[in-house]
Amino acid sequence: MSIVPVVNEWFTHNRRDLPWRAPDFGAWGILVSEIMLQQTPVARVIPRLTLWLERWPTPADLAASPPGDAVREWERLGYPRRALRLHAAAVAITEQHGGVVPSDIDALLALPGIGDYTARAVAAFAFGLRHPVVDTNVRRVIARAVEGQAEAGPPSTRRDLAAMETLLPESPEDARLFNAAMMELGAIVCAARAPRCDSCPIANSCRWRAEGYPPYEGVRAAVQATFEGSDRQVRGLIMAELRGSDIPVTAEEIATVWPDAEQRDRALAGLLADGLAVRVTGGYELP
């Protein structure tokens, strides 16, 4: 039995009221939201997204601003290279597509910083095209409900898209709804650490549940290093100094953000190499 009708019906009555789900939100807003949501919780994204779109309601508006403004507006969403890539995408959309976000997958993939997931998410959610959209939540639901595995294991774009394609209904509208519904199911019910199986609309057809919740014994993805004391933390501290100043930040001021000079210099060198900071007369600033 297909899980599509049950999952879509559940989503229709239980989905969260999120800005990018509004019918008039627009392709640019959806593109921005998808990039902001990468590795960042929804609650942190919503206020920043609102401010971003108030300032830059179109790709052309963002393209007309210097990239440093995008990095500063990104605030503390994390992984600020996303801000530079979003600015570069806005420039490409403005120059190559007349300021209109393209709907074609290949055209979306050709934009700076746009990968498989984001391209398909924009095509499906902004334009209603039938494409499988797979994030971490979708992978987990498929692993449990269909494959009987507690975890999805390391990602594989080809395998993951094929698994979702098998489930995807033919109707573009039903497919669009199902893509969003599977994400929502994984986010609020079929959670990683504490799945709410008693509230799951497909509990009776879940293979993992039927087999007694066997533990995962497959290959695991590499665990990320802790944030505290990492180069990433030091990069963030330097970025905070740069964002908070309208004049160049001196080397002496940067030296105060972290006591380990070798690690601090390594973090600063990384920011310069990534284009998130530039060396100018008097010190360093955003690009």
Foldseek 3Di string as FASTA:
>chain_A
DFCLVLLLVCCVPDPDDAQLQDPPCALLLLLVLVLLPVVADRVVRRVLSVVVCVQPVFLVSLLVDDLLVQLLSNPPSAPSLSSVQSNQLSVCCVVPVVRHDDLDLVVQCPRGPRDDQSNVLSNCSRVLAQFAHDDLLLLQQCCFQPVLALHNADDDVVVRRVSRVVNADPHSVSNSSSNVSSSRCSVPAVDNPDHPLVPHSCNVRTNNVVVPNDHHDDHHDDDDDDDVPDLSVLLVQVSVVQSVDPDADAPVNSCVSDPPVVSNVVSVVVCCVSQQWDADVRHIHGD
